[in-house]
Amino acid sequence: MTEQPKTRVSVRIYGQDYTIVGAESPAHIRLVAAFVDDKMHEFSEKNPLLDVPKLAVLTAVNIASEYLKLKEQYQRLAEQLKQEKDGKQDD
């Protein structure tokens, strides 16, 4: 098995510099970092007294919640599509 080459990208999230290493494209890694940075700033504006670790956890929990809702919605739609396909095959 060959391993995919790793990409190293420097990003800035909430004022901190990070080097992210992953198999995704640099553009994708930057997009993810920008999304996290935007979310942290959004939650910071709503909760200005939170310290950075708590803000990071709040951001992670909210992003995870959004992800799980979308995953659930995707699974429902995939099942609905499968049922519609199966129903048409019975005709």
PDB file of N, CA and C in Angstrom:
ATOM      1  N   MET A   1       0.834  -1.191   0.000  1.00  0.00           N
ATOM      2  CA  MET A   1       0.000   0.000   0.000  1.00  0.00           C
ATOM      3  C   MET A   1       0.873   1.246   0.000  1.00  0.00           C
ATOM      4  N   THR A   2       0.609   2.136  -0.920  1.00  0.00           N
ATOM      5  CA  THR A   2       1.369   3.375  -0.945  1.00  0.00           C
ATOM      6  C   THR A   2       0.619   4.442  -0.174  1.00  0.00           C
ATOM      7  N   GLU A   3       1.371   5.176   0.575  1.00  0.00           N
ATOM      8  CA  GLU A   3       0.790   6.251   1.361  1.00  0.00           C
ATOM      9  C   GLU A   3       0.702   7.510   0.523  1.00  0.00           C
ATOM     10  N   GLN A   4      -0.411   8.260   0.673  1.00  0.00           N
ATOM     11  CA  GLN A   4      -0.545   9.517  -0.040  1.00  0.00           C
ATOM     12  C   GLN A   4       0.474  10.506   0.504  1.00  0.00           C
ATOM     13  N   PRO A   5       1.030  11.324  -0.376  1.00  0.00           N
ATOM     14  CA  PRO A   5       1.965  12.339   0.120  1.00  0.00           C
ATOM     15  C   PRO A   5       1.244  13.338   1.026  1.00  0.00           C
ATOM     16  N   LYS A   6       1.933  13.763   2.046  1.00  0.00           N
ATOM     17  CA  LYS A   6       1.359  14.713   3.010  1.00  0.00           C
ATOM     18  C   LYS A   6       1.632  16.137   2.547  1.00  0.00           C
ATOM     19  N   THR A   7       0.677  16.987   2.804  1.00  0.00           N
ATOM     20  CA  THR A   7       0.785  18.405   2.488  1.00  0.00           C
ATOM     21  C   THR A   7       0.998  19.162   3.788  1.00  0.00           C
ATOM     22  N   ARG A   8       1.926  20.101   3.798  1.00  0.00           N
ATOM     23  CA  ARG A   8       2.161  20.968   4.961  1.00  0.00           C
ATOM     24  C   ARG A   8       1.722  22.379   4.579  1.00  0.00           C
ATOM     25  N   VAL A   9       0.844  22.934   5.391  1.00  0.00           N
ATOM     26  CA  VAL A   9       0.321  24.270   5.112  1.00  0.00           C
ATOM     27  C   VAL A   9       0.361  25.083   6.397  1.00  0.00           C
ATOM     28  N   SER A  10       0.879  26.279   6.305  1.00  0.00           N
ATOM     29  CA  SER A  10       0.864  27.205   7.449  1.00  0.00           C
ATOM     30  C   SER A  10      -0.425  28.003   7.400  1.00  0.00           C
ATOM     31  N   VAL A  11      -1.127  28.032   8.527  1.00  0.00           N
ATOM     32  CA  VAL A  11      -2.383  28.769   8.618  1.00  0.00           C
ATOM     33  C   VAL A  11      -2.394  29.570   9.917  1.00  0.00           C
ATOM     34  N   ARG A  12      -3.304  30.502   9.990  1.00  0.00           N
ATOM     35  CA  ARG A  12      -3.493  31.297  11.203  1.00  0.00           C
ATOM     36  C   ARG A  12      -4.943  31.144  11.633  1.00  0.00           C
ATOM     37  N   ILE A  13      -5.122  30.660  12.856  1.00  0.00           N
ATOM     38  CA  ILE A  13      -6.457  30.491  13.411  1.00  0.00           C
ATOM     39  C   ILE A  13      -6.520  31.247  14.733  1.00  0.00           C
ATOM     40  N   TYR A  14      -7.401  32.215  14.775  1.00  0.00           N
ATOM     41  CA  TYR A  14      -7.624  33.029  15.964  1.00  0.00           C
ATOM     42  C   TYR A  14      -6.320  33.612  16.507  1.00  0.00           C
ATOM     43  N   GLY A  15      -5.506  34.116  15.569  1.00  0.00           N
ATOM     44  CA  GLY A  15      -4.275  34.800  15.947  1.00  0.00           C
ATOM     45  C   GLY A  15      -3.085  33.898  16.217  1.00  0.00           C
ATOM     46  N   GLN A  16      -3.269  32.599  16.121  1.00  0.00           N
ATOM     47  CA  GLN A  16      -2.180  31.645  16.354  1.00  0.00           C
ATOM     48  C   GLN A  16      -1.770  31.003  15.034  1.00  0.00           C
ATOM     49  N   ASP A  17      -0.477  30.838  14.832  1.00  0.00           N
ATOM     50  CA  ASP A  17       0.022  30.164  13.637  1.00  0.00           C
ATOM     51  C   ASP A  17       0.123  28.672  13.888  1.00  0.00           C
ATOM     52  N   TYR A  18      -0.319  27.905  12.893  1.00  0.00           N
ATOM     53  CA  TYR A  18      -0.271  26.446  12.962  1.00  0.00           C
ATOM     54  C   TYR A  18       0.265  25.914  11.645  1.00  0.00           C
ATOM     55  N   THR A  19       0.945  24.781  11.702  1.00  0.00           N
ATOM     56  CA  THR A  19       1.300  24.037  10.500  1.00  0.00           C
ATOM     57  C   THR A  19       0.418  22.807  10.491  1.00  0.00           C
ATOM     58  N   ILE A  20      -0.421  22.733   9.480  1.00  0.00           N
ATOM     59  CA  ILE A  20      -1.338  21.614   9.341  1.00  0.00           C
ATOM     60  C   ILE A  20      -0.735  20.640   8.332  1.00  0.00           C
ATOM     61  N   VAL A  21      -0.690  19.373   8.704  1.00  0.00           N
ATOM     62  CA  VAL A  21      -0.171  18.337   7.831  1.00  0.00           C
ATOM     63  C   VAL A  21      -1.312  17.389   7.516  1.00  0.00           C
ATOM     64  N   GLY A  22      -1.554  17.151   6.230  1.00  0.00           N
ATOM     65  CA  GLY A  22      -2.635  16.250   5.861  1.00  0.00           C
ATOM     66  C   GLY A  22      -2.555  15.828   4.416  1.00  0.00           C
ATOM     67  N   ALA A  23      -3.459  14.963   4.031  1.00  0.00           N
ATOM     68  CA  ALA A  23      -3.482  14.427   2.672  1.00  0.00           C
ATOM     69  C   ALA A  23      -4.310  15.301   1.729  1.00  0.00           C
ATOM     70  N   GLU A  24      -5.022  16.274   2.262  1.00  0.00           N
ATOM     71  CA  GLU A  24      -5.860  17.138   1.437  1.00  0.00           C
ATOM     72  C   GLU A  24      -5.017  18.196   0.722  1.00  0.00           C
ATOM     73  N   SER A  25      -5.629  18.852  -0.240  1.00  0.00           N
ATOM     74  CA  SER A  25      -4.932  19.904  -0.986  1.00  0.00           C
ATOM     75  C   SER A  25      -4.689  21.106  -0.076  1.00  0.00           C
ATOM     76  N   PRO A  26      -3.671  21.910  -0.390  1.00  0.00           N
ATOM     77  CA  PRO A  26      -3.444  23.126   0.395  1.00  0.00           C
ATOM     78  C   PRO A  26      -4.674  24.040   0.420  1.00  0.00           C
ATOM     79  N   ALA A  27      -5.376  24.128  -0.692  1.00  0.00           N
ATOM     80  CA  ALA A  27      -6.570  24.979  -0.747  1.00  0.00           C
ATOM     81  C   ALA A  27      -7.631  24.481   0.225  1.00  0.00           C
ATOM     82  N   HIS A  28      -7.803  23.173   0.308  1.00  0.00           N
ATOM     83  CA  HIS A  28      -8.801  22.606   1.224  1.00  0.00           C
ATOM     84  C   HIS A  28      -8.397  22.861   2.680  1.00  0.00           C
ATOM     85  N   ILE A  29      -7.136  22.660   2.980  1.00  0.00           N
ATOM     86  CA  ILE A  29      -6.655  22.882   4.353  1.00  0.00           C
ATOM     87  C   ILE A  29      -6.845  24.347   4.741  1.00  0.00           C
ATOM     88  N   ARG A  30      -6.543  25.255   3.834  1.00  0.00           N
ATOM     89  CA  ARG A  30      -6.747  26.693   4.117  1.00  0.00           C
ATOM     90  C   ARG A  30      -8.226  27.007   4.314  1.00  0.00           C
ATOM     91  N   LEU A  31      -9.078  26.377   3.501  1.00  0.00           N
ATOM     92  CA  LEU A  31     -10.524  26.588   3.620  1.00  0.00           C
ATOM     93  C   LEU A  31     -11.021  26.133   4.987  1.00  0.00           C
ATOM     94  N   VAL A  32     -10.580  24.961   5.430  1.00  0.00           N
ATOM     95  CA  VAL A  32     -10.971  24.445   6.748  1.00  0.00           C
ATOM     96  C   VAL A  32     -10.475  25.384   7.844  1.00  0.00           C
ATOM     97  N   ALA A  33      -9.232  25.813   7.750  1.00  0.00           N
ATOM     98  CA  ALA A  33      -8.668  26.715   8.758  1.00  0.00           C
ATOM     99  C   ALA A  33      -9.438  28.035   8.797  1.00  0.00           C
ATOM    100  N   ALA A  34      -9.780  28.568   7.644  1.00  0.00           N
ATOM    101  CA  ALA A  34     -10.540  29.824   7.583  1.00  0.00           C
ATOM    102  C   ALA A  34     -11.926  29.643   8.200  1.00  0.00           C
ATOM    103  N   PHE A  35     -12.532  28.474   7.959  1.00  0.00           N
ATOM    104  CA  PHE A  35     -13.848  28.183   8.535  1.00  0.00           C
ATOM    105  C   PHE A  35     -13.774  28.158  10.059  1.00  0.00           C
ATOM    106  N   VAL A  36     -12.773  27.471  10.596  1.00  0.00           N
ATOM    107  CA  VAL A  36     -12.591  27.394  12.051  1.00  0.00           C
ATOM    108  C   VAL A  36     -12.321  28.789  12.612  1.00  0.00           C
ATOM    109  N   ASP A  37     -11.460  29.551  11.956  1.00  0.00           N
ATOM    110  CA  ASP A  37     -11.142  30.911  12.398  1.00  0.00           C
ATOM    111  C   ASP A  37     -12.403  31.775  12.424  1.00  0.00           C
ATOM    112  N   ASP A  38     -13.195  31.704  11.360  1.00  0.00           N
ATOM    113  CA  ASP A  38     -14.444  32.481  11.304  1.00  0.00           C
ATOM    114  C   ASP A  38     -15.384  32.093  12.440  1.00  0.00           C
ATOM    115  N   LYS A  39     -15.523  30.786  12.673  1.00  0.00           N
ATOM    116  CA  LYS A  39     -16.414  30.317  13.741  1.00  0.00           C
ATOM    117  C   LYS A  39     -15.921  30.780  15.113  1.00  0.00           C
ATOM    118  N   MET A  40     -14.610  30.714  15.325  1.00  0.00           N
ATOM    119  CA  MET A  40     -14.074  31.161  16.618  1.00  0.00           C
ATOM    120  C   MET A  40     -14.354  32.644  16.825  1.00  0.00           C
ATOM    121  N   HIS A  41     -14.183  33.450  15.783  1.00  0.00           N
ATOM    122  CA  HIS A  41     -14.469  34.886  15.899  1.00  0.00           C
ATOM    123  C   HIS A  41     -15.964  35.125  16.126  1.00  0.00           C
ATOM    124  N   GLU A  42     -16.785  34.356  15.439  1.00  0.00           N
ATOM    125  CA  GLU A  42     -18.238  34.480  15.604  1.00  0.00           C
ATOM    126  C   GLU A  42     -18.648  34.188  17.045  1.00  0.00           C
ATOM    127  N   PHE A  43     -18.145  33.099  17.623  1.00  0.00           N
ATOM    128  CA  PHE A  43     -18.503  32.750  18.995  1.00  0.00           C
ATOM    129  C   PHE A  43     -17.859  33.694  19.999  1.00  0.00           C
ATOM    130  N   SER A  44     -16.696  34.221  19.678  1.00  0.00           N
ATOM    131  CA  SER A  44     -16.030  35.175  20.554  1.00  0.00           C
ATOM    132  C   SER A  44     -16.844  36.469  20.677  1.00  0.00           C
ATOM    133  N   GLU A  45     -17.445  36.887  19.554  1.00  0.00           N
ATOM    134  CA  GLU A  45     -18.271  38.091  19.588  1.00  0.00           C
ATOM    135  C   GLU A  45     -19.499  37.897  20.479  1.00  0.00           C
ATOM    136  N   LYS A  46     -20.054  36.686  20.460  1.00  0.00           N
ATOM    137  CA  LYS A  46     -21.240  36.388  21.265  1.00  0.00           C
ATOM    138  C   LYS A  46     -20.891  36.112  22.724  1.00  0.00           C
ATOM    139  N   ASN A  47     -19.643  35.674  22.972  1.00  0.00           N
ATOM    140  CA  ASN A  47     -19.194  35.296  24.317  1.00  0.00           C
ATOM    141  C   ASN A  47     -17.825  35.924  24.593  1.00  0.00           C
ATOM    142  N   PRO A  48     -17.766  37.249  24.721  1.00  0.00           N
ATOM    143  CA  PRO A  48     -16.469  37.920  24.811  1.00  0.00           C
ATOM    144  C   PRO A  48     -15.638  37.588  26.053  1.00  0.00           C
ATOM    145  N   LEU A  49     -16.236  37.007  27.068  1.00  0.00           N
ATOM    146  CA  LEU A  49     -15.492  36.714  28.291  1.00  0.00           C
ATOM    147  C   LEU A  49     -14.850  35.323  28.288  1.00  0.00           C
ATOM    148  N   LEU A  50     -15.098  34.529  27.259  1.00  0.00           N
ATOM    149  CA  LEU A  50     -14.519  33.184  27.205  1.00  0.00           C
ATOM    150  C   LEU A  50     -13.019  33.245  26.935  1.00  0.00           C
ATOM    151  N   ASP A  51     -12.259  32.409  27.644  1.00  0.00           N
ATOM    152  CA  ASP A  51     -10.839  32.308  27.330  1.00  0.00           C
ATOM    153  C   ASP A  51     -10.684  31.416  26.098  1.00  0.00           C
ATOM    154  N   VAL A  52      -9.498  31.416  25.519  1.00  0.00           N
ATOM    155  CA  VAL A  52      -9.275  30.729  24.250  1.00  0.00           C
ATOM    156  C   VAL A  52      -9.552  29.224  24.331  1.00  0.00           C
ATOM    157  N   PRO A  53      -9.097  28.517  25.366  1.00  0.00           N
ATOM    158  CA  PRO A  53      -9.420  27.080  25.401  1.00  0.00           C
ATOM    159  C   PRO A  53     -10.929  26.795  25.428  1.00  0.00           C
ATOM    160  N   LYS A  54     -11.671  27.564  26.197  1.00  0.00           N
ATOM    161  CA  LYS A  54     -13.125  27.360  26.255  1.00  0.00           C
ATOM    162  C   LYS A  54     -13.773  27.744  24.928  1.00  0.00           C
ATOM    163  N   LEU A  55     -13.267  28.801  24.318  1.00  0.00           N
ATOM    164  CA  LEU A  55     -13.766  29.223  23.016  1.00  0.00           C
ATOM    165  C   LEU A  55     -13.506  28.133  21.969  1.00  0.00           C
ATOM    166  N   ALA A  56     -12.327  27.523  22.028  1.00  0.00           N
ATOM    167  CA  ALA A  56     -11.992  26.455  21.089  1.00  0.00           C
ATOM    168  C   ALA A  56     -12.918  25.257  21.271  1.00  0.00           C
ATOM    169  N   VAL A  57     -13.210  24.900  22.528  1.00  0.00           N
ATOM    170  CA  VAL A  57     -14.108  23.770  22.792  1.00  0.00           C
ATOM    171  C   VAL A  57     -15.523  24.108  22.326  1.00  0.00           C
ATOM    172  N   LEU A  58     -16.003  25.305  22.631  1.00  0.00           N
ATOM    173  CA  LEU A  58     -17.327  25.729  22.180  1.00  0.00           C
ATOM    174  C   LEU A  58     -17.414  25.662  20.658  1.00  0.00           C
ATOM    175  N   THR A  59     -16.385  26.132  19.988  1.00  0.00           N
ATOM    176  CA  THR A  59     -16.348  26.097  18.526  1.00  0.00           C
ATOM    177  C   THR A  59     -16.365  24.658  18.025  1.00  0.00           C
ATOM    178  N   ALA A  60     -15.558  23.803  18.626  1.00  0.00           N
ATOM    179  CA  ALA A  60     -15.510  22.394  18.218  1.00  0.00           C
ATOM    180  C   ALA A  60     -16.863  21.721  18.416  1.00  0.00           C
ATOM    181  N   VAL A  61     -17.510  21.976  19.548  1.00  0.00           N
ATOM    182  CA  VAL A  61     -18.813  21.369  19.826  1.00  0.00           C
ATOM    183  C   VAL A  61     -19.847  21.836  18.806  1.00  0.00           C
ATOM    184  N   ASN A  62     -19.832  23.113  18.489  1.00  0.00           N
ATOM    185  CA  ASN A  62     -20.798  23.639  17.522  1.00  0.00           C
ATOM    186  C   ASN A  62     -20.539  23.095  16.115  1.00  0.00           C
ATOM    187  N   ILE A  63     -19.280  23.014  15.711  1.00  0.00           N
ATOM    188  CA  ILE A  63     -18.952  22.464  14.389  1.00  0.00           C
ATOM    189  C   ILE A  63     -19.335  20.981  14.340  1.00  0.00           C
ATOM    190  N   ALA A  64     -19.066  20.248  15.417  1.00  0.00           N
ATOM    191  CA  ALA A  64     -19.438  18.827  15.470  1.00  0.00           C
ATOM    192  C   ALA A  64     -20.957  18.671  15.389  1.00  0.00           C
ATOM    193  N   SER A  65     -21.684  19.531  16.056  1.00  0.00           N
ATOM    194  CA  SER A  65     -23.144  19.483  16.011  1.00  0.00           C
ATOM    195  C   SER A  65     -23.639  19.721  14.582  1.00  0.00           C
ATOM    196  N   GLU A  66     -23.102  20.739  13.929  1.00  0.00           N
ATOM    197  CA  GLU A  66     -23.473  21.020  12.538  1.00  0.00           C
ATOM    198  C   GLU A  66     -23.162  19.815  11.647  1.00  0.00           C
ATOM    199  N   TYR A  67     -21.993  19.231  11.837  1.00  0.00           N
ATOM    200  CA  TYR A  67     -21.579  18.072  11.041  1.00  0.00           C
ATOM    201  C   TYR A  67     -22.546  16.903  11.246  1.00  0.00           C
ATOM    202  N   LEU A  68     -22.867  16.597  12.493  1.00  0.00           N
ATOM    203  CA  LEU A  68     -23.744  15.460  12.776  1.00  0.00           C
ATOM    204  C   LEU A  68     -25.152  15.685  12.226  1.00  0.00           C
ATOM    205  N   LYS A  69     -25.645  16.915  12.293  1.00  0.00           N
ATOM    206  CA  LYS A  69     -26.962  17.216  11.717  1.00  0.00           C
ATOM    207  C   LYS A  69     -26.935  17.012  10.204  1.00  0.00           C
ATOM    208  N   LEU A  70     -25.875  17.500   9.555  1.00  0.00           N
ATOM    209  CA  LEU A  70     -25.761  17.331   8.107  1.00  0.00           C
ATOM    210  C   LEU A  70     -25.604  15.859   7.725  1.00  0.00           C
ATOM    211  N   LYS A  71     -24.841  15.118   8.511  1.00  0.00           N
ATOM    212  CA  LYS A  71     -24.650  13.688   8.251  1.00  0.00           C
ATOM    213  C   LYS A  71     -25.986  12.955   8.365  1.00  0.00           C
ATOM    214  N   GLU A  72     -26.754  13.275   9.385  1.00  0.00           N
ATOM    215  CA  GLU A  72     -28.065  12.667   9.574  1.00  0.00           C
ATOM    216  C   GLU A  72     -28.995  13.011   8.407  1.00  0.00           C
ATOM    217  N   GLN A  73     -28.972  14.269   7.992  1.00  0.00           N
ATOM    218  CA  GLN A  73     -29.795  14.709   6.866  1.00  0.00           C
ATOM    219  C   GLN A  73     -29.378  13.982   5.592  1.00  0.00           C
ATOM    220  N   TYR A  74     -28.091  13.834   5.376  1.00  0.00           N
ATOM    221  CA  TYR A  74     -27.570  13.124   4.212  1.00  0.00           C
ATOM    222  C   TYR A  74     -28.045  11.673   4.228  1.00  0.00           C
ATOM    223  N   GLN A  75     -27.961  11.028   5.380  1.00  0.00           N
ATOM    224  CA  GLN A  75     -28.380   9.629   5.483  1.00  0.00           C
ATOM    225  C   GLN A  75     -29.874   9.474   5.199  1.00  0.00           C
ATOM    226  N   ARG A  76     -30.685  10.418   5.701  1.00  0.00           N
ATOM    227  CA  ARG A  76     -32.128  10.377   5.415  1.00  0.00           C
ATOM    228  C   ARG A  76     -32.395  10.540   3.921  1.00  0.00           C
ATOM    229  N   LEU A  77     -31.708  11.495   3.295  1.00  0.00           N
ATOM    230  CA  LEU A  77     -31.896  11.731   1.866  1.00  0.00           C
ATOM    231  C   LEU A  77     -31.404  10.550   1.035  1.00  0.00           C
ATOM    232  N   ALA A  78     -30.284   9.942   1.431  1.00  0.00           N
ATOM    233  CA  ALA A  78     -29.763   8.782   0.707  1.00  0.00           C
ATOM    234  C   ALA A  78     -30.748   7.620   0.811  1.00  0.00           C
ATOM    235  N   GLU A  79     -31.323   7.417   1.992  1.00  0.00           N
ATOM    236  CA  GLU A  79     -32.305   6.354   2.179  1.00  0.00           C
ATOM    237  C   GLU A  79     -33.566   6.638   1.371  1.00  0.00           C
ATOM    238  N   GLN A  80     -33.996   7.891   1.369  1.00  0.00           N
ATOM    239  CA  GLN A  80     -35.181   8.279   0.599  1.00  0.00           C
ATOM    240  C   GLN A  80     -34.938   8.038  -0.889  1.00  0.00           C
ATOM    241  N   LEU A  81     -33.776   8.404  -1.373  1.00  0.00           N
ATOM    242  CA  LEU A  81     -33.429   8.195  -2.781  1.00  0.00           C
ATOM    243  C   LEU A  81     -33.402   6.707  -3.109  1.00  0.00           C
ATOM    244  N   LYS A  82     -32.838   5.912  -2.210  1.00  0.00           N
ATOM    245  CA  LYS A  82     -32.784   4.460  -2.412  1.00  0.00           C
ATOM    246  C   LYS A  82     -34.193   3.882  -2.491  1.00  0.00           C
ATOM    247  N   GLN A  83     -35.072   4.329  -1.601  1.00  0.00           N
ATOM    248  CA  GLN A  83     -36.454   3.838  -1.598  1.00  0.00           C
ATOM    249  C   GLN A  83     -37.173   4.236  -2.887  1.00  0.00           C
ATOM    250  N   GLU A  84     -36.940   5.461  -3.350  1.00  0.00           N
ATOM    251  CA  GLU A  84     -37.569   5.911  -4.595  1.00  0.00           C
ATOM    252  C   GLU A  84     -37.045   5.099  -5.782  1.00  0.00           C
ATOM    253  N   LYS A  85     -35.741   4.827  -5.808  1.00  0.00           N
ATOM    254  CA  LYS A  85     -35.165   4.004  -6.868  1.00  0.00           C
ATOM    255  C   LYS A  85     -35.737   2.595  -6.841  1.00  0.00           C
ATOM    256  N   ASP A  86     -35.798   2.014  -5.640  1.00  0.00           N
ATOM    257  CA  ASP A  86     -36.318   0.660  -5.491  1.00  0.00           C
ATOM    258  C   ASP A  86     -37.798   0.614  -5.905  1.00  0.00           C
ATOM    259  N   GLY A  87     -38.545   1.630  -5.606  1.00  0.00           N
ATOM    260  CA  GLY A  87     -39.954   1.690  -5.976  1.00  0.00           C
ATOM    261  C   GLY A  87     -40.157   1.759  -7.478  1.00  0.00           C
ATOM    262  N   LYS A  88     -39.290   2.484  -8.176  1.00  0.00           N
ATOM    263  CA  LYS A  88     -39.384   2.595  -9.627  1.00  0.00           C
ATOM    264  C   LYS A  88     -38.998   1.289 -10.303  1.00  0.00           C
ATOM    265  N   GLN A  89     -38.100   0.528  -9.686  1.00  0.00           N
ATOM    266  CA  GLN A  89     -37.678  -0.749 -10.276  1.00  0.00           C
ATOM    267  C   GLN A  89     -38.788  -1.777 -10.192  1.00  0.00           C
ATOM    268  N   ASP A  90     -39.706  -1.623  -9.247  1.00  0.00           N
ATOM    269  CA  ASP A  90     -40.806  -2.567  -9.080  1.00  0.00           C
ATOM    270  C   ASP A  90     -41.867  -2.380 -10.160  1.00  0.00           C
ATOM    271  N   ASP A  91     -41.853  -1.241 -10.834  1.00  0.00           N
ATOM    272  CA  ASP A  91     -42.877  -0.944 -11.874  1.00  0.00           C
ATOM    273  C   ASP A  91     -42.760  -1.844 -13.070  1.00  0.00           C
TER     274      ASP A  91
END
